Amino acid sequence: IEACRNVTLNRFIYALGIRHIGEATAKLLARHYQTLAAWRTAMLAAQNDTSDAWQELTTIDQIGPLVATDLAGFFREKHNQKVIEDLEREMQIGDYRPSTNSESPLSGKVIVFTGTLEKMGRAEAKAKAEELGANVSSSISAKTDYLVVGADAGSKATKAKELGVKVLSEDEWLAML
């Protein structure tokens, strides 16, 4: 029992059993919010789709309205909030530690992929970006550093140009790696 008192944030989020939150989604949430306090604060603030916290939540790669609704619903229930508080008193929940690859030109950068990548699958490209310390998102915002465009890129490319986000071709992306 004592050995199980120390868990990482992503494992803690996953263990709560929130609908639609599997291991991969829990890791995405932990990577984005990094601490239990930051995650809890954001989830309590994300109670409707007009809040800034909701908008931020749905910009996380692979987190859409369905997952956001389930998270907000979980945090609306007072007994769930109490469970988290009780667990926090009994456990050591470690902060998420992002990649320490500070040598990489992608370290700390926000990257979005759009279109069909021909030389590298999208999942592989996202994993490589994360390995190099980047944060991968699914939507363009003013915080986005790079948009990597493949074939049939759509509205994300237009929005990136409007926001002044640097647009990279797949070849330029591979050259950065």
N, C-alpha and C. Protein backbone atom coordinates (compact mmCIF):
# COMPACT_ATOMS: atom_id res chain seq x y z
N ILE A 1 0.84 -1.19 0.00
CA ILE A 1 0.00 0.00 0.00
C ILE A 1 0.88 1.24 0.00
N GLU A 2 1.91 1.22 0.82
CA GLU A 2 2.79 2.39 0.90
C GLU A 2 3.43 2.71 -0.45
N ALA A 3 3.83 1.67 -1.19
CA ALA A 3 4.47 1.87 -2.48
C ALA A 3 3.53 2.52 -3.49
N CYS A 4 2.24 2.34 -3.30
CA CYS A 4 1.25 2.89 -4.24
C CYS A 4 0.83 4.32 -3.90
N ARG A 5 1.37 4.87 -2.85
CA ARG A 5 1.01 6.24 -2.46
C ARG A 5 1.65 7.30 -3.34
N ASN A 6 2.68 6.92 -4.08
CA ASN A 6 3.37 7.85 -4.97
C ASN A 6 2.99 7.53 -6.41
N VAL A 7 2.32 8.47 -7.06
CA VAL A 7 1.91 8.28 -8.45
C VAL A 7 2.18 9.54 -9.25
N THR A 8 2.31 9.37 -10.53
CA THR A 8 2.45 10.53 -11.41
C THR A 8 1.07 11.11 -11.70
N LEU A 9 1.04 12.36 -12.10
CA LEU A 9 -0.23 13.03 -12.37
C LEU A 9 -1.04 12.29 -13.42
N ASN A 10 -0.41 11.85 -14.50
CA ASN A 10 -1.18 11.16 -15.54
C ASN A 10 -1.80 9.86 -15.02
N ARG A 11 -1.10 9.12 -14.19
CA ARG A 11 -1.67 7.88 -13.62
C ARG A 11 -2.79 8.20 -12.66
N PHE A 12 -2.66 9.29 -11.92
CA PHE A 12 -3.71 9.70 -10.99
C PHE A 12 -4.99 10.06 -11.76
N ILE A 13 -4.84 10.86 -12.81
CA ILE A 13 -6.00 11.26 -13.61
C ILE A 13 -6.68 10.02 -14.19
N TYR A 14 -5.90 9.12 -14.74
CA TYR A 14 -6.45 7.89 -15.33
C TYR A 14 -7.18 7.06 -14.28
N ALA A 15 -6.60 6.95 -13.10
CA ALA A 15 -7.17 6.11 -12.04
C ALA A 15 -8.50 6.64 -11.50
N LEU A 16 -8.81 7.89 -11.75
CA LEU A 16 -10.09 8.44 -11.28
C LEU A 16 -11.28 7.81 -11.99
N GLY A 17 -11.05 7.19 -13.14
CA GLY A 17 -12.12 6.50 -13.84
C GLY A 17 -13.13 7.42 -14.50
N ILE A 18 -12.69 8.58 -14.94
CA ILE A 18 -13.57 9.53 -15.60
C ILE A 18 -13.89 8.99 -17.00
N ARG A 19 -15.14 9.06 -17.34
CA ARG A 19 -15.59 8.55 -18.65
C ARG A 19 -14.79 9.21 -19.78
N HIS A 20 -14.37 8.42 -20.73
CA HIS A 20 -13.59 8.82 -21.91
C HIS A 20 -12.15 9.24 -21.60
N ILE A 21 -11.69 9.04 -20.39
CA ILE A 21 -10.31 9.40 -20.04
C ILE A 21 -9.51 8.12 -19.87
N GLY A 22 -8.86 7.72 -20.94
CA GLY A 22 -7.98 6.56 -20.90
C GLY A 22 -6.56 6.99 -20.57
N GLU A 23 -5.65 6.07 -20.67
CA GLU A 23 -4.25 6.38 -20.33
C GLU A 23 -3.67 7.47 -21.22
N ALA A 24 -3.95 7.40 -22.51
CA ALA A 24 -3.38 8.39 -23.44
C ALA A 24 -3.96 9.78 -23.17
N THR A 25 -5.25 9.87 -22.95
CA THR A 25 -5.87 11.17 -22.68
C THR A 25 -5.40 11.72 -21.34
N ALA A 26 -5.25 10.86 -20.35
CA ALA A 26 -4.73 11.30 -19.05
C ALA A 26 -3.33 11.89 -19.20
N LYS A 27 -2.54 11.27 -20.05
CA LYS A 27 -1.18 11.78 -20.28
C LYS A 27 -1.23 13.14 -20.97
N LEU A 28 -2.14 13.30 -21.93
CA LEU A 28 -2.28 14.59 -22.61
C LEU A 28 -2.67 15.69 -21.61
N LEU A 29 -3.61 15.37 -20.73
CA LEU A 29 -4.04 16.34 -19.71
C LEU A 29 -2.89 16.68 -18.76
N ALA A 30 -2.18 15.66 -18.31
CA ALA A 30 -1.06 15.88 -17.40
C ALA A 30 0.03 16.71 -18.07
N ARG A 31 0.31 16.41 -19.32
CA ARG A 31 1.33 17.15 -20.05
C ARG A 31 0.95 18.63 -20.17
N HIS A 32 -0.33 18.87 -20.42
CA HIS A 32 -0.78 20.24 -20.62
C HIS A 32 -0.82 21.04 -19.31
N TYR A 33 -1.39 20.46 -18.25
CA TYR A 33 -1.58 21.20 -17.00
C TYR A 33 -0.43 21.04 -16.02
N GLN A 34 0.30 19.97 -16.09
CA GLN A 34 1.53 19.68 -15.36
C GLN A 34 1.41 19.47 -13.86
N THR A 35 0.46 20.10 -13.16
CA THR A 35 0.29 19.87 -11.73
C THR A 35 -1.17 19.56 -11.42
N LEU A 36 -1.39 18.85 -10.33
CA LEU A 36 -2.75 18.54 -9.92
C LEU A 36 -3.52 19.82 -9.65
N ALA A 37 -2.89 20.78 -9.00
CA ALA A 37 -3.57 22.04 -8.68
C ALA A 37 -4.00 22.78 -9.95
N ALA A 38 -3.12 22.85 -10.94
CA ALA A 38 -3.46 23.54 -12.18
C ALA A 38 -4.57 22.82 -12.93
N TRP A 39 -4.51 21.48 -12.96
CA TRP A 39 -5.54 20.70 -13.64
C TRP A 39 -6.89 20.87 -12.96
N ARG A 40 -6.91 20.74 -11.64
CA ARG A 40 -8.16 20.86 -10.90
C ARG A 40 -8.77 22.25 -11.07
N THR A 41 -7.95 23.29 -10.97
CA THR A 41 -8.44 24.66 -11.13
C THR A 41 -9.05 24.85 -12.52
N ALA A 42 -8.37 24.35 -13.54
CA ALA A 42 -8.87 24.50 -14.91
C ALA A 42 -10.17 23.73 -15.11
N MET A 43 -10.27 22.53 -14.55
CA MET A 43 -11.48 21.72 -14.73
C MET A 43 -12.67 22.35 -14.00
N LEU A 44 -12.42 22.94 -12.85
CA LEU A 44 -13.50 23.61 -12.13
C LEU A 44 -13.98 24.85 -12.90
N ALA A 45 -13.06 25.49 -13.61
CA ALA A 45 -13.41 26.69 -14.38
C ALA A 45 -14.03 26.36 -15.74
N ALA A 46 -13.85 25.14 -16.20
CA ALA A 46 -14.32 24.74 -17.54
C ALA A 46 -15.73 24.15 -17.48
N GLN A 47 -16.64 24.86 -16.87
CA GLN A 47 -17.98 24.31 -16.69
C GLN A 47 -18.94 24.60 -17.82
N ASN A 48 -18.55 25.43 -18.77
CA ASN A 48 -19.40 25.63 -19.95
C ASN A 48 -18.53 25.98 -21.14
N ASP A 49 -19.09 25.81 -22.32
CA ASP A 49 -18.28 25.95 -23.53
C ASP A 49 -17.96 27.40 -23.90
N THR A 50 -18.35 28.35 -23.06
CA THR A 50 -17.99 29.74 -23.33
C THR A 50 -16.84 30.22 -22.44
N SER A 51 -16.44 29.39 -21.49
CA SER A 51 -15.35 29.81 -20.59
C SER A 51 -13.99 29.69 -21.28
N ASP A 52 -13.06 30.51 -20.83
CA ASP A 52 -11.69 30.42 -21.36
C ASP A 52 -11.07 29.07 -21.04
N ALA A 53 -11.37 28.54 -19.85
CA ALA A 53 -10.82 27.24 -19.45
C ALA A 53 -11.32 26.13 -20.38
N TRP A 54 -12.59 26.21 -20.79
CA TRP A 54 -13.15 25.22 -21.73
C TRP A 54 -12.43 25.33 -23.08
N GLN A 55 -12.25 26.57 -23.54
CA GLN A 55 -11.58 26.78 -24.82
C GLN A 55 -10.16 26.24 -24.78
N GLU A 56 -9.46 26.49 -23.69
CA GLU A 56 -8.09 25.97 -23.55
C GLU A 56 -8.10 24.44 -23.54
N LEU A 57 -9.03 23.86 -22.81
CA LEU A 57 -9.13 22.40 -22.73
C LEU A 57 -9.33 21.78 -24.10
N THR A 58 -10.20 22.37 -24.90
CA THR A 58 -10.50 21.77 -26.20
C THR A 58 -9.44 22.07 -27.25
N THR A 59 -8.43 22.88 -26.92
CA THR A 59 -7.31 23.05 -27.86
C THR A 59 -6.24 21.98 -27.67
N ILE A 60 -6.35 21.21 -26.60
CA ILE A 60 -5.39 20.13 -26.37
C ILE A 60 -5.65 19.04 -27.41
N ASP A 61 -4.58 18.57 -28.02
CA ASP A 61 -4.69 17.53 -29.04
C ASP A 61 -5.54 16.37 -28.55
N GLN A 62 -6.52 15.98 -29.35
CA GLN A 62 -7.41 14.85 -29.12
C GLN A 62 -8.44 15.06 -28.01
N ILE A 63 -8.57 16.28 -27.52
CA ILE A 63 -9.60 16.58 -26.52
C ILE A 63 -10.65 17.43 -27.20
N GLY A 64 -11.81 16.87 -27.36
CA GLY A 64 -12.90 17.59 -28.01
C GLY A 64 -14.03 17.85 -27.04
N PRO A 65 -15.16 18.30 -27.56
CA PRO A 65 -16.30 18.63 -26.70
C PRO A 65 -16.82 17.46 -25.86
N LEU A 66 -16.78 16.24 -26.39
CA LEU A 66 -17.26 15.09 -25.65
C LEU A 66 -16.43 14.85 -24.38
N VAL A 67 -15.13 14.84 -24.53
CA VAL A 67 -14.24 14.63 -23.39
C VAL A 67 -14.35 15.82 -22.42
N ALA A 68 -14.39 17.03 -22.96
CA ALA A 68 -14.51 18.22 -22.10
C ALA A 68 -15.81 18.18 -21.30
N THR A 69 -16.88 17.74 -21.91
CA THR A 69 -18.17 17.63 -21.21
C THR A 69 -18.08 16.62 -20.07
N ASP A 70 -17.43 15.48 -20.32
CA ASP A 70 -17.29 14.47 -19.27
C ASP A 70 -16.41 14.97 -18.12
N LEU A 71 -15.34 15.68 -18.45
CA LEU A 71 -14.49 16.24 -17.39
C LEU A 71 -15.25 17.27 -16.56
N ALA A 72 -15.95 18.17 -17.24
CA ALA A 72 -16.72 19.19 -16.52
C ALA A 72 -17.79 18.54 -15.65
N GLY A 73 -18.45 17.51 -16.18
CA GLY A 73 -19.47 16.81 -15.41
C GLY A 73 -18.89 16.14 -14.17
N PHE A 74 -17.72 15.53 -14.31
CA PHE A 74 -17.06 14.90 -13.18
C PHE A 74 -16.78 15.94 -12.08
N PHE A 75 -16.28 17.10 -12.48
CA PHE A 75 -15.93 18.12 -11.49
C PHE A 75 -17.14 18.89 -10.96
N ARG A 76 -18.28 18.78 -11.61
CA ARG A 76 -19.50 19.41 -11.09
C ARG A 76 -20.02 18.68 -9.86
N GLU A 77 -19.70 17.42 -9.76
CA GLU A 77 -20.18 16.62 -8.64
C GLU A 77 -19.28 16.81 -7.42
N LYS A 78 -19.88 17.34 -6.36
CA LYS A 78 -19.13 17.66 -5.14
C LYS A 78 -18.42 16.44 -4.55
N HIS A 79 -19.06 15.27 -4.61
CA HIS A 79 -18.42 14.10 -4.02
C HIS A 79 -17.15 13.71 -4.79
N ASN A 80 -17.08 13.99 -6.08
CA ASN A 80 -15.86 13.71 -6.84
C ASN A 80 -14.74 14.67 -6.41
N GLN A 81 -15.09 15.92 -6.18
CA GLN A 81 -14.10 16.88 -5.70
C GLN A 81 -13.56 16.45 -4.34
N LYS A 82 -14.46 15.94 -3.48
CA LYS A 82 -14.04 15.49 -2.15
C LYS A 82 -13.11 14.27 -2.26
N VAL A 83 -13.42 13.36 -3.19
CA VAL A 83 -12.56 12.18 -3.39
C VAL A 83 -11.15 12.63 -3.76
N ILE A 84 -11.04 13.59 -4.66
CA ILE A 84 -9.72 14.08 -5.06
C ILE A 84 -9.00 14.71 -3.88
N GLU A 85 -9.71 15.51 -3.10
CA GLU A 85 -9.10 16.12 -1.90
C GLU A 85 -8.63 15.06 -0.91
N ASP A 86 -9.47 14.04 -0.68
CA ASP A 86 -9.10 12.96 0.24
C ASP A 86 -7.88 12.20 -0.27
N LEU A 87 -7.86 11.89 -1.56
CA LEU A 87 -6.71 11.18 -2.13
C LEU A 87 -5.44 12.02 -2.06
N GLU A 88 -5.59 13.31 -2.28
CA GLU A 88 -4.43 14.19 -2.24
C GLU A 88 -3.80 14.21 -0.84
N ARG A 89 -4.62 14.08 0.19
CA ARG A 89 -4.09 14.05 1.55
C ARG A 89 -3.34 12.74 1.83
N GLU A 90 -3.74 11.67 1.17
CA GLU A 90 -3.16 10.35 1.44
C GLU A 90 -2.03 9.96 0.49
N MET A 91 -1.90 10.71 -0.62
CA MET A 91 -0.95 10.31 -1.66
C MET A 91 0.02 11.43 -1.99
N GLN A 92 1.07 11.06 -2.66
CA GLN A 92 2.00 12.02 -3.24
C GLN A 92 1.78 11.95 -4.75
N ILE A 93 1.19 13.01 -5.31
CA ILE A 93 0.88 13.02 -6.74
C ILE A 93 1.94 13.89 -7.42
N GLY A 94 2.81 13.24 -8.15
CA GLY A 94 3.93 13.94 -8.77
C GLY A 94 3.50 14.78 -9.96
N ASP A 95 4.13 15.92 -10.10
CA ASP A 95 3.89 16.79 -11.25
C ASP A 95 4.36 16.10 -12.52
N TYR A 96 3.77 16.49 -13.62
CA TYR A 96 4.22 15.98 -14.91
C TYR A 96 5.55 16.62 -15.25
N ARG A 97 6.50 15.83 -15.65
CA ARG A 97 7.82 16.33 -16.03
C ARG A 97 7.97 16.24 -17.54
N PRO A 98 7.92 17.39 -18.22
CA PRO A 98 8.08 17.34 -19.68
C PRO A 98 9.49 16.93 -20.06
N SER A 99 9.64 16.61 -21.32
CA SER A 99 10.94 16.22 -21.85
C SER A 99 11.98 17.29 -21.51
N THR A 100 13.15 16.85 -21.18
CA THR A 100 14.22 17.78 -20.83
C THR A 100 15.18 17.99 -21.99
N ASN A 101 14.71 17.73 -23.19
CA ASN A 101 15.54 17.87 -24.37
C ASN A 101 15.62 19.35 -24.75
N SER A 102 16.32 20.14 -23.93
CA SER A 102 16.39 21.58 -24.15
C SER A 102 17.30 21.96 -25.32
N GLU A 103 18.05 21.01 -25.82
CA GLU A 103 18.91 21.26 -26.97
C GLU A 103 18.11 21.34 -28.27
N SER A 104 16.94 20.78 -28.26
CA SER A 104 16.12 20.70 -29.46
C SER A 104 15.52 22.06 -29.81
N PRO A 105 15.46 22.38 -31.10
CA PRO A 105 14.81 23.63 -31.50
C PRO A 105 13.30 23.59 -31.26
N LEU A 106 12.76 22.42 -30.95
CA LEU A 106 11.32 22.27 -30.71
C LEU A 106 10.96 22.32 -29.23
N SER A 107 11.94 22.34 -28.37
CA SER A 107 11.68 22.31 -26.94
C SER A 107 10.80 23.49 -26.51
N GLY A 108 9.66 23.15 -25.90
CA GLY A 108 8.74 24.17 -25.41
C GLY A 108 7.84 24.79 -26.47
N LYS A 109 8.00 24.39 -27.72
CA LYS A 109 7.20 24.96 -28.81
C LYS A 109 5.86 24.23 -28.93
N VAL A 110 4.85 24.94 -29.42
CA VAL A 110 3.54 24.35 -29.68
C VAL A 110 3.44 24.08 -31.17
N ILE A 111 3.14 22.82 -31.52
CA ILE A 111 3.09 22.40 -32.91
C ILE A 111 1.72 21.80 -33.22
N VAL A 112 1.21 22.13 -34.39
CA VAL A 112 -0.04 21.55 -34.89
C VAL A 112 0.27 20.91 -36.23
N PHE A 113 -0.32 19.74 -36.47
CA PHE A 113 -0.18 19.05 -37.76
C PHE A 113 -1.52 19.08 -38.47
N THR A 114 -1.50 19.27 -39.78
CA THR A 114 -2.72 19.25 -40.57
C THR A 114 -2.44 18.63 -41.93
N GLY A 115 -3.46 18.09 -42.53
CA GLY A 115 -3.30 17.44 -43.83
C GLY A 115 -2.68 16.06 -43.69
N THR A 116 -2.46 15.42 -44.82
CA THR A 116 -1.90 14.08 -44.84
C THR A 116 -0.39 14.14 -45.01
N LEU A 117 0.31 13.63 -44.01
CA LEU A 117 1.77 13.57 -44.10
C LEU A 117 2.13 12.32 -44.90
N GLU A 118 3.01 12.47 -45.88
CA GLU A 118 3.31 11.37 -46.79
C GLU A 118 4.55 10.57 -46.40
N LYS A 119 5.51 11.21 -45.74
CA LYS A 119 6.77 10.53 -45.43
C LYS A 119 6.81 9.99 -44.01
N MET A 120 5.92 10.46 -43.18
CA MET A 120 5.89 10.05 -41.78
C MET A 120 4.44 10.10 -41.35
N GLY A 121 3.93 9.06 -40.72
CA GLY A 121 2.56 9.08 -40.24
C GLY A 121 2.36 10.17 -39.21
N ARG A 122 1.14 10.65 -39.08
CA ARG A 122 0.86 11.73 -38.15
C ARG A 122 1.17 11.32 -36.71
N ALA A 123 0.80 10.11 -36.32
CA ALA A 123 1.08 9.64 -34.96
C ALA A 123 2.58 9.63 -34.69
N GLU A 124 3.34 9.18 -35.68
CA GLU A 124 4.80 9.15 -35.54
C GLU A 124 5.36 10.57 -35.44
N ALA A 125 4.83 11.48 -36.25
CA ALA A 125 5.29 12.87 -36.23
C ALA A 125 4.99 13.52 -34.87
N LYS A 126 3.80 13.27 -34.34
CA LYS A 126 3.44 13.82 -33.03
C LYS A 126 4.34 13.25 -31.94
N ALA A 127 4.58 11.95 -31.98
CA ALA A 127 5.43 11.32 -30.98
C ALA A 127 6.84 11.89 -31.04
N LYS A 128 7.35 12.09 -32.25
CA LYS A 128 8.70 12.65 -32.42
C LYS A 128 8.76 14.07 -31.87
N ALA A 129 7.73 14.87 -32.15
CA ALA A 129 7.70 16.25 -31.65
C ALA A 129 7.71 16.26 -30.13
N GLU A 130 6.90 15.39 -29.52
CA GLU A 130 6.86 15.31 -28.06
C GLU A 130 8.18 14.84 -27.48
N GLU A 131 8.80 13.88 -28.15
CA GLU A 131 10.10 13.37 -27.72
C GLU A 131 11.14 14.49 -27.69
N LEU A 132 10.99 15.45 -28.62
CA LEU A 132 11.93 16.57 -28.71
C LEU A 132 11.50 17.76 -27.84
N GLY A 133 10.51 17.54 -26.97
CA GLY A 133 10.13 18.57 -26.02
C GLY A 133 9.02 19.50 -26.46
N ALA A 134 8.39 19.24 -27.60
CA ALA A 134 7.32 20.11 -28.09
C ALA A 134 5.98 19.69 -27.48
N ASN A 135 5.06 20.62 -27.48
CA ASN A 135 3.68 20.35 -27.08
C ASN A 135 2.86 20.29 -28.36
N VAL A 136 2.17 19.18 -28.59
CA VAL A 136 1.38 19.02 -29.80
C VAL A 136 -0.07 19.37 -29.48
N SER A 137 -0.65 20.21 -30.31
CA SER A 137 -2.03 20.62 -30.16
C SER A 137 -2.81 20.22 -31.40
N SER A 138 -4.14 20.25 -31.29
CA SER A 138 -4.95 19.89 -32.45
C SER A 138 -5.57 21.11 -33.12
N SER A 139 -5.43 22.27 -32.49
CA SER A 139 -6.01 23.46 -33.12
C SER A 139 -5.04 24.64 -33.06
N ILE A 140 -5.20 25.52 -34.01
CA ILE A 140 -4.34 26.70 -34.14
C ILE A 140 -4.82 27.78 -33.18
N SER A 141 -3.88 28.41 -32.50
CA SER A 141 -4.18 29.57 -31.66
C SER A 141 -2.98 30.51 -31.73
N ALA A 142 -3.09 31.63 -31.06
CA ALA A 142 -1.99 32.59 -31.03
C ALA A 142 -0.76 31.98 -30.33
N LYS A 143 -0.96 30.93 -29.54
CA LYS A 143 0.14 30.29 -28.83
C LYS A 143 0.89 29.27 -29.69
N THR A 144 0.37 28.97 -30.88
CA THR A 144 0.99 27.98 -31.76
C THR A 144 2.27 28.55 -32.36
N ASP A 145 3.35 27.77 -32.32
CA ASP A 145 4.62 28.19 -32.90
C ASP A 145 4.78 27.72 -34.34
N TYR A 146 4.38 26.47 -34.62
CA TYR A 146 4.54 25.91 -35.96
C TYR A 146 3.30 25.14 -36.37
N LEU A 147 2.93 25.28 -37.63
CA LEU A 147 1.92 24.42 -38.25
C LEU A 147 2.64 23.62 -39.32
N VAL A 148 2.59 22.29 -39.21
CA VAL A 148 3.19 21.42 -40.21
C VAL A 148 2.06 20.96 -41.13
N VAL A 149 2.19 21.31 -42.42
CA VAL A 149 1.13 21.01 -43.37
C VAL A 149 1.53 19.87 -44.30
N GLY A 150 0.59 18.95 -44.46
CA GLY A 150 0.74 17.88 -45.42
C GLY A 150 -0.22 18.13 -46.58
N ALA A 151 -0.43 17.11 -47.37
CA ALA A 151 -1.35 17.22 -48.51
C ALA A 151 -2.77 17.47 -48.02
N ASP A 152 -3.51 18.24 -48.79
CA ASP A 152 -4.91 18.56 -48.49
C ASP A 152 -5.08 19.32 -47.18
N ALA A 153 -4.16 20.20 -46.87
CA ALA A 153 -4.31 21.03 -45.68
C ALA A 153 -5.51 21.94 -45.86
N GLY A 154 -6.26 22.13 -44.81
CA GLY A 154 -7.50 22.90 -44.91
C GLY A 154 -7.45 24.25 -44.22
N SER A 155 -8.45 24.51 -43.42
CA SER A 155 -8.64 25.82 -42.80
C SER A 155 -7.56 26.16 -41.78
N LYS A 156 -6.88 25.16 -41.24
CA LYS A 156 -5.83 25.45 -40.26
C LYS A 156 -4.72 26.27 -40.90
N ALA A 157 -4.39 25.98 -42.15
CA ALA A 157 -3.34 26.73 -42.84
C ALA A 157 -3.74 28.19 -43.01
N THR A 158 -4.98 28.42 -43.34
CA THR A 158 -5.48 29.79 -43.49
C THR A 158 -5.43 30.53 -42.16
N LYS A 159 -5.90 29.87 -41.12
CA LYS A 159 -5.91 30.49 -39.79
C LYS A 159 -4.48 30.77 -39.31
N ALA A 160 -3.57 29.86 -39.60
CA ALA A 160 -2.17 30.04 -39.19
C ALA A 160 -1.59 31.29 -39.84
N LYS A 161 -1.88 31.50 -41.11
CA LYS A 161 -1.38 32.69 -41.80
C LYS A 161 -1.97 33.96 -41.20
N GLU A 162 -3.26 33.92 -40.86
CA GLU A 162 -3.91 35.07 -40.23
C GLU A 162 -3.27 35.42 -38.89
N LEU A 163 -2.87 34.39 -38.14
CA LEU A 163 -2.29 34.59 -36.80
C LEU A 163 -0.78 34.80 -36.83
N GLY A 164 -0.17 34.67 -38.01
CA GLY A 164 1.28 34.84 -38.12
C GLY A 164 2.07 33.63 -37.62
N VAL A 165 1.45 32.46 -37.64
CA VAL A 165 2.11 31.23 -37.21
C VAL A 165 2.99 30.74 -38.35
N LYS A 166 4.21 30.30 -38.03
CA LYS A 166 5.12 29.79 -39.04
C LYS A 166 4.60 28.47 -39.58
N VAL A 167 4.45 28.41 -40.90
CA VAL A 167 3.94 27.21 -41.57
C VAL A 167 5.12 26.47 -42.18
N LEU A 168 5.20 25.16 -41.88
CA LEU A 168 6.28 24.32 -42.39
C LEU A 168 5.71 23.23 -43.29
N SER A 169 6.39 22.95 -44.38
CA SER A 169 6.03 21.80 -45.19
C SER A 169 6.52 20.55 -44.47
N GLU A 170 6.10 19.41 -44.94
CA GLU A 170 6.58 18.16 -44.33
C GLU A 170 8.10 18.04 -44.46
N ASP A 171 8.64 18.45 -45.60
CA ASP A 171 10.10 18.39 -45.79
C ASP A 171 10.83 19.33 -44.82
N GLU A 172 10.30 20.54 -44.61
CA GLU A 172 10.91 21.47 -43.66
C GLU A 172 10.83 20.90 -42.25
N TRP A 173 9.72 20.25 -41.92
CA TRP A 173 9.56 19.61 -40.62
C TRP A 173 10.62 18.52 -40.44
N LEU A 174 10.79 17.69 -41.44
CA LEU A 174 11.77 16.60 -41.34
C LEU A 174 13.18 17.15 -41.23
N ALA A 175 13.46 18.27 -41.89
CA ALA A 175 14.79 18.89 -41.79
C ALA A 175 15.05 19.39 -40.36
N MET A 176 14.01 19.84 -39.69
CA MET A 176 14.16 20.30 -38.29
C MET A 176 14.52 19.14 -37.37
N LEU A 177 14.04 17.96 -37.73
CA LEU A 177 14.31 16.79 -36.88
C LEU A 177 15.76 16.36 -36.99
